[in-house]
Amino acid sequence: MQRIIKLPEQLYNYLCEALSDSKQILDIIKINTTIENNTATMIIDIDTKIDLMEYVEDLQLEIGFENQDYLNDDGRKLQSIYDEIHRQTN
């Protein structure tokens, strides 16, 4: 089953940079994304959605905190991406 996820182009570009370690997910996303009016529309399958959410969550734990309690700028961006994926696909 395909899922449609829309992100602001700025968050999409950040996501692509963050996915540089995961070429498999990045390639799937880039092939299945169109950008129009500063909005990136991704069409992905459920497996890619799960992989993407897990990757974003792991990356946030790795780089997204100033300390144990506070998100840094990267953490807030990653949280926004995670929230949008979850909201639009559930």
PDB file of N, CA and C in Angstrom:
ATOM      1  N   MET A   1       0.833  -1.172   0.000  1.00  0.00           N
ATOM      2  CA  MET A   1       0.000   0.000   0.000  1.00  0.00           C
ATOM      3  C   MET A   1       0.888   1.249   0.000  1.00  0.00           C
ATOM      4  N   GLN A   2       0.581   2.185  -0.861  1.00  0.00           N
ATOM      5  CA  GLN A   2       1.349   3.418  -0.995  1.00  0.00           C
ATOM      6  C   GLN A   2       0.869   4.472  -0.001  1.00  0.00           C
ATOM      7  N   ARG A   3       1.783   5.265   0.474  1.00  0.00           N
ATOM      8  CA  ARG A   3       1.489   6.373   1.383  1.00  0.00           C
ATOM      9  C   ARG A   3       1.980   7.668   0.747  1.00  0.00           C
ATOM     10  N   ILE A   4       1.206   8.725   0.892  1.00  0.00           N
ATOM     11  CA  ILE A   4       1.598  10.036   0.392  1.00  0.00           C
ATOM     12  C   ILE A   4       1.962  10.900   1.589  1.00  0.00           C
ATOM     13  N   ILE A   5       3.149  11.487   1.529  1.00  0.00           N
ATOM     14  CA  ILE A   5       3.634  12.350   2.598  1.00  0.00           C
ATOM     15  C   ILE A   5       4.059  13.669   1.975  1.00  0.00           C
ATOM     16  N   LYS A   6       3.572  14.762   2.527  1.00  0.00           N
ATOM     17  CA  LYS A   6       3.939  16.092   2.051  1.00  0.00           C
ATOM     18  C   LYS A   6       4.735  16.798   3.137  1.00  0.00           C
ATOM     19  N   LEU A   7       5.887  17.337   2.717  1.00  0.00           N
ATOM     20  CA  LEU A   7       6.738  18.095   3.625  1.00  0.00           C
ATOM     21  C   LEU A   7       7.087  19.425   2.978  1.00  0.00           C
ATOM     22  N   PRO A   8       7.287  20.461   3.778  1.00  0.00           N
ATOM     23  CA  PRO A   8       7.835  21.687   3.204  1.00  0.00           C
ATOM     24  C   PRO A   8       9.188  21.364   2.555  1.00  0.00           C
ATOM     25  N   GLU A   9       9.485  22.018   1.456  1.00  0.00           N
ATOM     26  CA  GLU A   9      10.715  21.712   0.719  1.00  0.00           C
ATOM     27  C   GLU A   9      11.951  21.825   1.607  1.00  0.00           C
ATOM     28  N   GLN A  10      11.966  22.774   2.510  1.00  0.00           N
ATOM     29  CA  GLN A  10      13.102  22.956   3.404  1.00  0.00           C
ATOM     30  C   GLN A  10      13.316  21.719   4.287  1.00  0.00           C
ATOM     31  N   LEU A  11      12.246  21.162   4.836  1.00  0.00           N
ATOM     32  CA  LEU A  11      12.375  19.948   5.650  1.00  0.00           C
ATOM     33  C   LEU A  11      12.759  18.748   4.791  1.00  0.00           C
ATOM     34  N   TYR A  12      12.210  18.680   3.580  1.00  0.00           N
ATOM     35  CA  TYR A  12      12.562  17.592   2.665  1.00  0.00           C
ATOM     36  C   TYR A  12      14.063  17.626   2.364  1.00  0.00           C
ATOM     37  N   ASN A  13      14.596  18.813   2.069  1.00  0.00           N
ATOM     38  CA  ASN A  13      16.026  18.938   1.782  1.00  0.00           C
ATOM     39  C   ASN A  13      16.863  18.532   2.992  1.00  0.00           C
ATOM     40  N   TYR A  14      16.424  18.924   4.174  1.00  0.00           N
ATOM     41  CA  TYR A  14      17.121  18.519   5.395  1.00  0.00           C
ATOM     42  C   TYR A  14      17.088  16.993   5.539  1.00  0.00           C
ATOM     43  N   LEU A  15      15.934  16.402   5.273  1.00  0.00           N
ATOM     44  CA  LEU A  15      15.796  14.950   5.354  1.00  0.00           C
ATOM     45  C   LEU A  15      16.763  14.259   4.398  1.00  0.00           C
ATOM     46  N   CYS A  16      16.859  14.754   3.175  1.00  0.00           N
ATOM     47  CA  CYS A  16      17.772  14.152   2.194  1.00  0.00           C
ATOM     48  C   CYS A  16      19.219  14.234   2.668  1.00  0.00           C
ATOM     49  N   GLU A  17      19.604  15.359   3.249  1.00  0.00           N
ATOM     50  CA  GLU A  17      20.955  15.481   3.805  1.00  0.00           C
ATOM     51  C   GLU A  17      21.154  14.482   4.942  1.00  0.00           C
ATOM     52  N   ALA A  18      20.156  14.368   5.798  1.00  0.00           N
ATOM     53  CA  ALA A  18      20.252  13.457   6.941  1.00  0.00           C
ATOM     54  C   ALA A  18      20.322  11.998   6.501  1.00  0.00           C
ATOM     55  N   LEU A  19      19.731  11.698   5.351  1.00  0.00           N
ATOM     56  CA  LEU A  19      19.709  10.320   4.849  1.00  0.00           C
ATOM     57  C   LEU A  19      20.957   9.952   4.051  1.00  0.00           C
ATOM     58  N   SER A  20      21.961  10.800   4.049  1.00  0.00           N
ATOM     59  CA  SER A  20      23.159  10.510   3.261  1.00  0.00           C
ATOM     60  C   SER A  20      23.815   9.194   3.681  1.00  0.00           C
ATOM     61  N   ASP A  21      23.604   8.764   4.921  1.00  0.00           N
ATOM     62  CA  ASP A  21      24.151   7.485   5.400  1.00  0.00           C
ATOM     63  C   ASP A  21      23.324   6.289   4.942  1.00  0.00           C
ATOM     64  N   SER A  22      22.103   6.538   4.533  1.00  0.00           N
ATOM     65  CA  SER A  22      21.197   5.456   4.156  1.00  0.00           C
ATOM     66  C   SER A  22      20.782   5.610   2.698  1.00  0.00           C
ATOM     67  N   LYS A  23      21.696   5.247   1.818  1.00  0.00           N
ATOM     68  CA  LYS A  23      21.477   5.440   0.386  1.00  0.00           C
ATOM     69  C   LYS A  23      20.228   4.716  -0.110  1.00  0.00           C
ATOM     70  N   GLN A  24      19.923   3.558   0.434  1.00  0.00           N
ATOM     71  CA  GLN A  24      18.757   2.794  -0.018  1.00  0.00           C
ATOM     72  C   GLN A  24      17.461   3.580   0.210  1.00  0.00           C
ATOM     73  N   ILE A  25      17.271   4.106   1.406  1.00  0.00           N
ATOM     74  CA  ILE A  25      16.061   4.886   1.687  1.00  0.00           C
ATOM     75  C   ILE A  25      16.074   6.174   0.879  1.00  0.00           C
ATOM     76  N   LEU A  26      17.223   6.831   0.820  1.00  0.00           N
ATOM     77  CA  LEU A  26      17.335   8.090   0.079  1.00  0.00           C
ATOM     78  C   LEU A  26      16.980   7.907  -1.387  1.00  0.00           C
ATOM     79  N   ASP A  27      17.481   6.851  -2.011  1.00  0.00           N
ATOM     80  CA  ASP A  27      17.179   6.600  -3.426  1.00  0.00           C
ATOM     81  C   ASP A  27      15.684   6.382  -3.648  1.00  0.00           C
ATOM     82  N   ILE A  28      15.054   5.622  -2.783  1.00  0.00           N
ATOM     83  CA  ILE A  28      13.608   5.372  -2.913  1.00  0.00           C
ATOM     84  C   ILE A  28      12.838   6.680  -2.795  1.00  0.00           C
ATOM     85  N   ILE A  29      13.208   7.481  -1.820  1.00  0.00           N
ATOM     86  CA  ILE A  29      12.503   8.748  -1.611  1.00  0.00           C
ATOM     87  C   ILE A  29      12.703   9.693  -2.790  1.00  0.00           C
ATOM     88  N   LYS A  30      13.935   9.826  -3.254  1.00  0.00           N
ATOM     89  CA  LYS A  30      14.195  10.761  -4.360  1.00  0.00           C
ATOM     90  C   LYS A  30      13.467  10.356  -5.636  1.00  0.00           C
ATOM     91  N   ILE A  31      13.424   9.075  -5.916  1.00  0.00           N
ATOM     92  CA  ILE A  31      12.744   8.591  -7.124  1.00  0.00           C
ATOM     93  C   ILE A  31      11.249   8.862  -7.053  1.00  0.00           C
ATOM     94  N   ASN A  32      10.695   8.826  -5.857  1.00  0.00           N
ATOM     95  CA  ASN A  32       9.245   8.921  -5.680  1.00  0.00           C
ATOM     96  C   ASN A  32       8.782  10.255  -5.108  1.00  0.00           C
ATOM     97  N   THR A  33       9.533  11.320  -5.373  1.00  0.00           N
ATOM     98  CA  THR A  33       9.189  12.641  -4.845  1.00  0.00           C
ATOM     99  C   THR A  33       9.074  13.653  -5.965  1.00  0.00           C
ATOM    100  N   THR A  34       8.053  14.486  -5.858  1.00  0.00           N
ATOM    101  CA  THR A  34       7.927  15.652  -6.732  1.00  0.00           C
ATOM    102  C   THR A  34       7.897  16.884  -5.835  1.00  0.00           C
ATOM    103  N   ILE A  35       8.444  17.977  -6.359  1.00  0.00           N
ATOM    104  CA  ILE A  35       8.453  19.228  -5.608  1.00  0.00           C
ATOM    105  C   ILE A  35       7.726  20.281  -6.428  1.00  0.00           C
ATOM    106  N   GLU A  36       6.741  20.882  -5.784  1.00  0.00           N
ATOM    107  CA  GLU A  36       5.944  21.912  -6.440  1.00  0.00           C
ATOM    108  C   GLU A  36       5.482  22.904  -5.380  1.00  0.00           C
ATOM    109  N   ASN A  37       5.602  24.192  -5.694  1.00  0.00           N
ATOM    110  CA  ASN A  37       5.174  25.251  -4.765  1.00  0.00           C
ATOM    111  C   ASN A  37       5.788  25.092  -3.374  1.00  0.00           C
ATOM    112  N   ASN A  38       7.083  24.797  -3.338  1.00  0.00           N
ATOM    113  CA  ASN A  38       7.827  24.654  -2.078  1.00  0.00           C
ATOM    114  C   ASN A  38       7.322  23.524  -1.189  1.00  0.00           C
ATOM    115  N   THR A  39       6.655  22.540  -1.799  1.00  0.00           N
ATOM    116  CA  THR A  39       6.183  21.367  -1.064  1.00  0.00           C
ATOM    117  C   THR A  39       6.678  20.108  -1.767  1.00  0.00           C
ATOM    118  N   ALA A  40       7.312  19.232  -0.999  1.00  0.00           N
ATOM    119  CA  ALA A  40       7.759  17.948  -1.528  1.00  0.00           C
ATOM    120  C   ALA A  40       6.681  16.910  -1.237  1.00  0.00           C
ATOM    121  N   THR A  41       6.265  16.201  -2.279  1.00  0.00           N
ATOM    122  CA  THR A  41       5.270  15.142  -2.134  1.00  0.00           C
ATOM    123  C   THR A  41       5.953  13.811  -2.402  1.00  0.00           C
ATOM    124  N   MET A  42       6.015  12.979  -1.369  1.00  0.00           N
ATOM    125  CA  MET A  42       6.648  11.670  -1.475  1.00  0.00           C
ATOM    126  C   MET A  42       5.570  10.599  -1.514  1.00  0.00           C
ATOM    127  N   ILE A  43       5.759   9.633  -2.386  1.00  0.00           N
ATOM    128  CA  ILE A  43       4.871   8.475  -2.437  1.00  0.00           C
ATOM    129  C   ILE A  43       5.737   7.257  -2.126  1.00  0.00           C
ATOM    130  N   ILE A  44       5.503   6.672  -0.960  1.00  0.00           N
ATOM    131  CA  ILE A  44       6.329   5.553  -0.520  1.00  0.00           C
ATOM    132  C   ILE A  44       5.451   4.418  -0.019  1.00  0.00           C
ATOM    133  N   ASP A  45       6.034   3.211  -0.012  1.00  0.00           N
ATOM    134  CA  ASP A  45       5.286   2.064   0.502  1.00  0.00           C
ATOM    135  C   ASP A  45       5.435   1.993   2.021  1.00  0.00           C
ATOM    136  N   ILE A  46       4.671   1.116   2.616  1.00  0.00           N
ATOM    137  CA  ILE A  46       4.627   1.024   4.075  1.00  0.00           C
ATOM    138  C   ILE A  46       5.976   0.605   4.657  1.00  0.00           C
ATOM    139  N   ASP A  47       6.706  -0.262   3.965  1.00  0.00           N
ATOM    140  CA  ASP A  47       8.011  -0.689   4.467  1.00  0.00           C
ATOM    141  C   ASP A  47       8.999   0.469   4.495  1.00  0.00           C
ATOM    142  N   THR A  48       8.987   1.277   3.434  1.00  0.00           N
ATOM    143  CA  THR A  48       9.867   2.444   3.388  1.00  0.00           C
ATOM    144  C   THR A  48       9.471   3.444   4.465  1.00  0.00           C
ATOM    145  N   LYS A  49       8.178   3.607   4.686  1.00  0.00           N
ATOM    146  CA  LYS A  49       7.694   4.508   5.742  1.00  0.00           C
ATOM    147  C   LYS A  49       8.246   4.075   7.096  1.00  0.00           C
ATOM    148  N   ILE A  50       8.164   2.790   7.389  1.00  0.00           N
ATOM    149  CA  ILE A  50       8.656   2.278   8.669  1.00  0.00           C
ATOM    150  C   ILE A  50      10.164   2.474   8.774  1.00  0.00           C
ATOM    151  N   ASP A  51      10.891   2.132   7.706  1.00  0.00           N
ATOM    152  CA  ASP A  51      12.345   2.322   7.702  1.00  0.00           C
ATOM    153  C   ASP A  51      12.709   3.786   7.911  1.00  0.00           C
ATOM    154  N   LEU A  52      11.985   4.671   7.245  1.00  0.00           N
ATOM    155  CA  LEU A  52      12.244   6.102   7.346  1.00  0.00           C
ATOM    156  C   LEU A  52      11.979   6.607   8.766  1.00  0.00           C
ATOM    157  N   MET A  53      10.872   6.202   9.351  1.00  0.00           N
ATOM    158  CA  MET A  53      10.551   6.643  10.712  1.00  0.00           C
ATOM    159  C   MET A  53      11.585   6.127  11.715  1.00  0.00           C
ATOM    160  N   GLU A  54      12.017   4.889  11.553  1.00  0.00           N
ATOM    161  CA  GLU A  54      13.034   4.334  12.446  1.00  0.00           C
ATOM    162  C   GLU A  54      14.354   5.082  12.292  1.00  0.00           C
ATOM    163  N   TYR A  55      14.722   5.389  11.047  1.00  0.00           N
ATOM    164  CA  TYR A  55      15.973   6.103  10.800  1.00  0.00           C
ATOM    165  C   TYR A  55      15.929   7.495  11.428  1.00  0.00           C
ATOM    166  N   VAL A  56      14.826   8.209  11.208  1.00  0.00           N
ATOM    167  CA  VAL A  56      14.681   9.559  11.764  1.00  0.00           C
ATOM    168  C   VAL A  56      14.727   9.510  13.291  1.00  0.00           C
ATOM    169  N   GLU A  57      14.050   8.546  13.876  1.00  0.00           N
ATOM    170  CA  GLU A  57      14.043   8.408  15.335  1.00  0.00           C
ATOM    171  C   GLU A  57      15.447   8.123  15.871  1.00  0.00           C
ATOM    172  N   ASP A  58      16.164   7.204  15.237  1.00  0.00           N
ATOM    173  CA  ASP A  58      17.524   6.877  15.670  1.00  0.00           C
ATOM    174  C   ASP A  58      18.457   8.076  15.516  1.00  0.00           C
ATOM    175  N   LEU A  59      18.328   8.793  14.402  1.00  0.00           N
ATOM    176  CA  LEU A  59      19.178   9.952  14.161  1.00  0.00           C
ATOM    177  C   LEU A  59      18.900  11.046  15.188  1.00  0.00           C
ATOM    178  N   GLN A  60      17.645  11.209  15.539  1.00  0.00           N
ATOM    179  CA  GLN A  60      17.311  12.216  16.545  1.00  0.00           C
ATOM    180  C   GLN A  60      17.962  11.866  17.882  1.00  0.00           C
ATOM    181  N   LEU A  61      17.939  10.611  18.251  1.00  0.00           N
ATOM    182  CA  LEU A  61      18.591  10.198  19.497  1.00  0.00           C
ATOM    183  C   LEU A  61      20.097  10.420  19.431  1.00  0.00           C
ATOM    184  N   GLU A  62      20.666  10.259  18.236  1.00  0.00           N
ATOM    185  CA  GLU A  62      22.109  10.398  18.057  1.00  0.00           C
ATOM    186  C   GLU A  62      22.560  11.858  18.070  1.00  0.00           C
ATOM    187  N   ILE A  63      21.857  12.733  17.342  1.00  0.00           N
ATOM    188  CA  ILE A  63      22.346  14.108  17.169  1.00  0.00           C
ATOM    189  C   ILE A  63      21.382  15.188  17.641  1.00  0.00           C
ATOM    190  N   GLY A  64      20.208  14.825  18.078  1.00  0.00           N
ATOM    191  CA  GLY A  64      19.150  15.806  18.253  1.00  0.00           C
ATOM    192  C   GLY A  64      18.970  16.435  19.614  1.00  0.00           C
ATOM    193  N   PHE A  65      19.853  16.155  20.560  1.00  0.00           N
ATOM    194  CA  PHE A  65      19.634  16.680  21.904  1.00  0.00           C
ATOM    195  C   PHE A  65      20.812  17.524  22.368  1.00  0.00           C
ATOM    196  N   GLU A  66      20.498  18.658  23.006  1.00  0.00           N
ATOM    197  CA  GLU A  66      21.529  19.480  23.641  1.00  0.00           C
ATOM    198  C   GLU A  66      21.981  18.799  24.924  1.00  0.00           C
ATOM    199  N   ASN A  67      21.024  18.279  25.644  1.00  0.00           N
ATOM    200  CA  ASN A  67      21.290  17.462  26.826  1.00  0.00           C
ATOM    201  C   ASN A  67      20.144  16.463  26.915  1.00  0.00           C
ATOM    202  N   GLN A  68      20.000  15.837  28.007  1.00  0.00           N
ATOM    203  CA  GLN A  68      19.008  14.767  28.128  1.00  0.00           C
ATOM    204  C   GLN A  68      17.573  15.248  27.910  1.00  0.00           C
ATOM    205  N   ASP A  69      17.316  16.520  28.152  1.00  0.00           N
ATOM    206  CA  ASP A  69      15.940  17.007  28.147  1.00  0.00           C
ATOM    207  C   ASP A  69      15.573  17.949  27.009  1.00  0.00           C
ATOM    208  N   TYR A  70      16.533  18.540  26.320  1.00  0.00           N
ATOM    209  CA  TYR A  70      16.224  19.606  25.369  1.00  0.00           C
ATOM    210  C   TYR A  70      16.688  19.275  23.958  1.00  0.00           C
ATOM    211  N   LEU A  71      15.765  19.415  23.003  1.00  0.00           N
ATOM    212  CA  LEU A  71      16.099  19.214  21.594  1.00  0.00           C
ATOM    213  C   LEU A  71      16.907  20.397  21.075  1.00  0.00           C
ATOM    214  N   ASN A  72      17.904  20.118  20.246  1.00  0.00           N
ATOM    215  CA  ASN A  72      18.603  21.187  19.544  1.00  0.00           C
ATOM    216  C   ASN A  72      17.883  21.439  18.216  1.00  0.00           C
ATOM    217  N   ASP A  73      18.445  22.288  17.368  1.00  0.00           N
ATOM    218  CA  ASP A  73      17.793  22.634  16.104  1.00  0.00           C
ATOM    219  C   ASP A  73      17.589  21.400  15.225  1.00  0.00           C
ATOM    220  N   ASP A  74      18.612  20.540  15.139  1.00  0.00           N
ATOM    221  CA  ASP A  74      18.474  19.306  14.358  1.00  0.00           C
ATOM    222  C   ASP A  74      17.376  18.422  14.940  1.00  0.00           C
ATOM    223  N   GLY A  75      17.331  18.335  16.243  1.00  0.00           N
ATOM    224  CA  GLY A  75      16.308  17.529  16.895  1.00  0.00           C
ATOM    225  C   GLY A  75      14.902  18.021  16.609  1.00  0.00           C
ATOM    226  N   ARG A  76      14.731  19.342  16.593  1.00  0.00           N
ATOM    227  CA  ARG A  76      13.406  19.901  16.291  1.00  0.00           C
ATOM    228  C   ARG A  76      13.010  19.622  14.843  1.00  0.00           C
ATOM    229  N   LYS A  77      13.962  19.730  13.921  1.00  0.00           N
ATOM    230  CA  LYS A  77      13.664  19.428  12.512  1.00  0.00           C
ATOM    231  C   LYS A  77      13.292  17.961  12.345  1.00  0.00           C
ATOM    232  N   LEU A  78      14.075  17.096  12.956  1.00  0.00           N
ATOM    233  CA  LEU A  78      13.793  15.663  12.863  1.00  0.00           C
ATOM    234  C   LEU A  78      12.456  15.324  13.503  1.00  0.00           C
ATOM    235  N   GLN A  79      12.127  15.971  14.613  1.00  0.00           N
ATOM    236  CA  GLN A  79      10.837  15.736  15.257  1.00  0.00           C
ATOM    237  C   GLN A  79       9.697  16.188  14.351  1.00  0.00           C
ATOM    238  N   SER A  80       9.872  17.310  13.669  1.00  0.00           N
ATOM    239  CA  SER A  80       8.847  17.798  12.731  1.00  0.00           C
ATOM    240  C   SER A  80       8.636  16.810  11.593  1.00  0.00           C
ATOM    241  N   ILE A  81       9.733  16.272  11.066  1.00  0.00           N
ATOM    242  CA  ILE A  81       9.638  15.288   9.986  1.00  0.00           C
ATOM    243  C   ILE A  81       8.911  14.043  10.485  1.00  0.00           C
ATOM    244  N   TYR A  82       9.329  13.535  11.634  1.00  0.00           N
ATOM    245  CA  TYR A  82       8.703  12.340  12.208  1.00  0.00           C
ATOM    246  C   TYR A  82       7.210  12.569  12.438  1.00  0.00           C
ATOM    247  N   ASP A  83       6.877  13.709  13.023  1.00  0.00           N
ATOM    248  CA  ASP A  83       5.469  14.014  13.310  1.00  0.00           C
ATOM    249  C   ASP A  83       4.634  14.085  12.040  1.00  0.00           C
ATOM    250  N   GLU A  84       5.171  14.699  10.991  1.00  0.00           N
ATOM    251  CA  GLU A  84       4.430  14.812   9.731  1.00  0.00           C
ATOM    252  C   GLU A  84       4.217  13.444   9.093  1.00  0.00           C
ATOM    253  N   ILE A  85       5.246  12.619   9.092  1.00  0.00           N
ATOM    254  CA  ILE A  85       5.104  11.276   8.524  1.00  0.00           C
ATOM    255  C   ILE A  85       4.034  10.507   9.296  1.00  0.00           C
ATOM    256  N   HIS A  86       4.113  10.550  10.608  1.00  0.00           N
ATOM    257  CA  HIS A  86       3.140   9.833  11.442  1.00  0.00           C
ATOM    258  C   HIS A  86       1.726  10.370  11.228  1.00  0.00           C
ATOM    259  N   ARG A  87       1.573  11.678  11.255  1.00  0.00           N
ATOM    260  CA  ARG A  87       0.246  12.293  11.128  1.00  0.00           C
ATOM    261  C   ARG A  87      -0.393  11.990   9.773  1.00  0.00           C
ATOM    262  N   GLN A  88       0.401  12.014   8.722  1.00  0.00           N
ATOM    263  CA  GLN A  88      -0.147  11.858   7.378  1.00  0.00           C
ATOM    264  C   GLN A  88      -0.353  10.407   6.960  1.00  0.00           C
ATOM    265  N   THR A  89       0.182   9.478   7.720  1.00  0.00           N
ATOM    266  CA  THR A  89       0.081   8.079   7.293  1.00  0.00           C
ATOM    267  C   THR A  89      -0.680   7.203   8.282  1.00  0.00           C
ATOM    268  N   ASN A  90      -1.206   7.768   9.333  1.00  0.00           N
ATOM    269  CA  ASN A  90      -1.969   6.969  10.304  1.00  0.00           C
ATOM    270  C   ASN A  90      -3.393   7.431  10.383  1.00  0.00           C
TER     271      ASN A  90
END
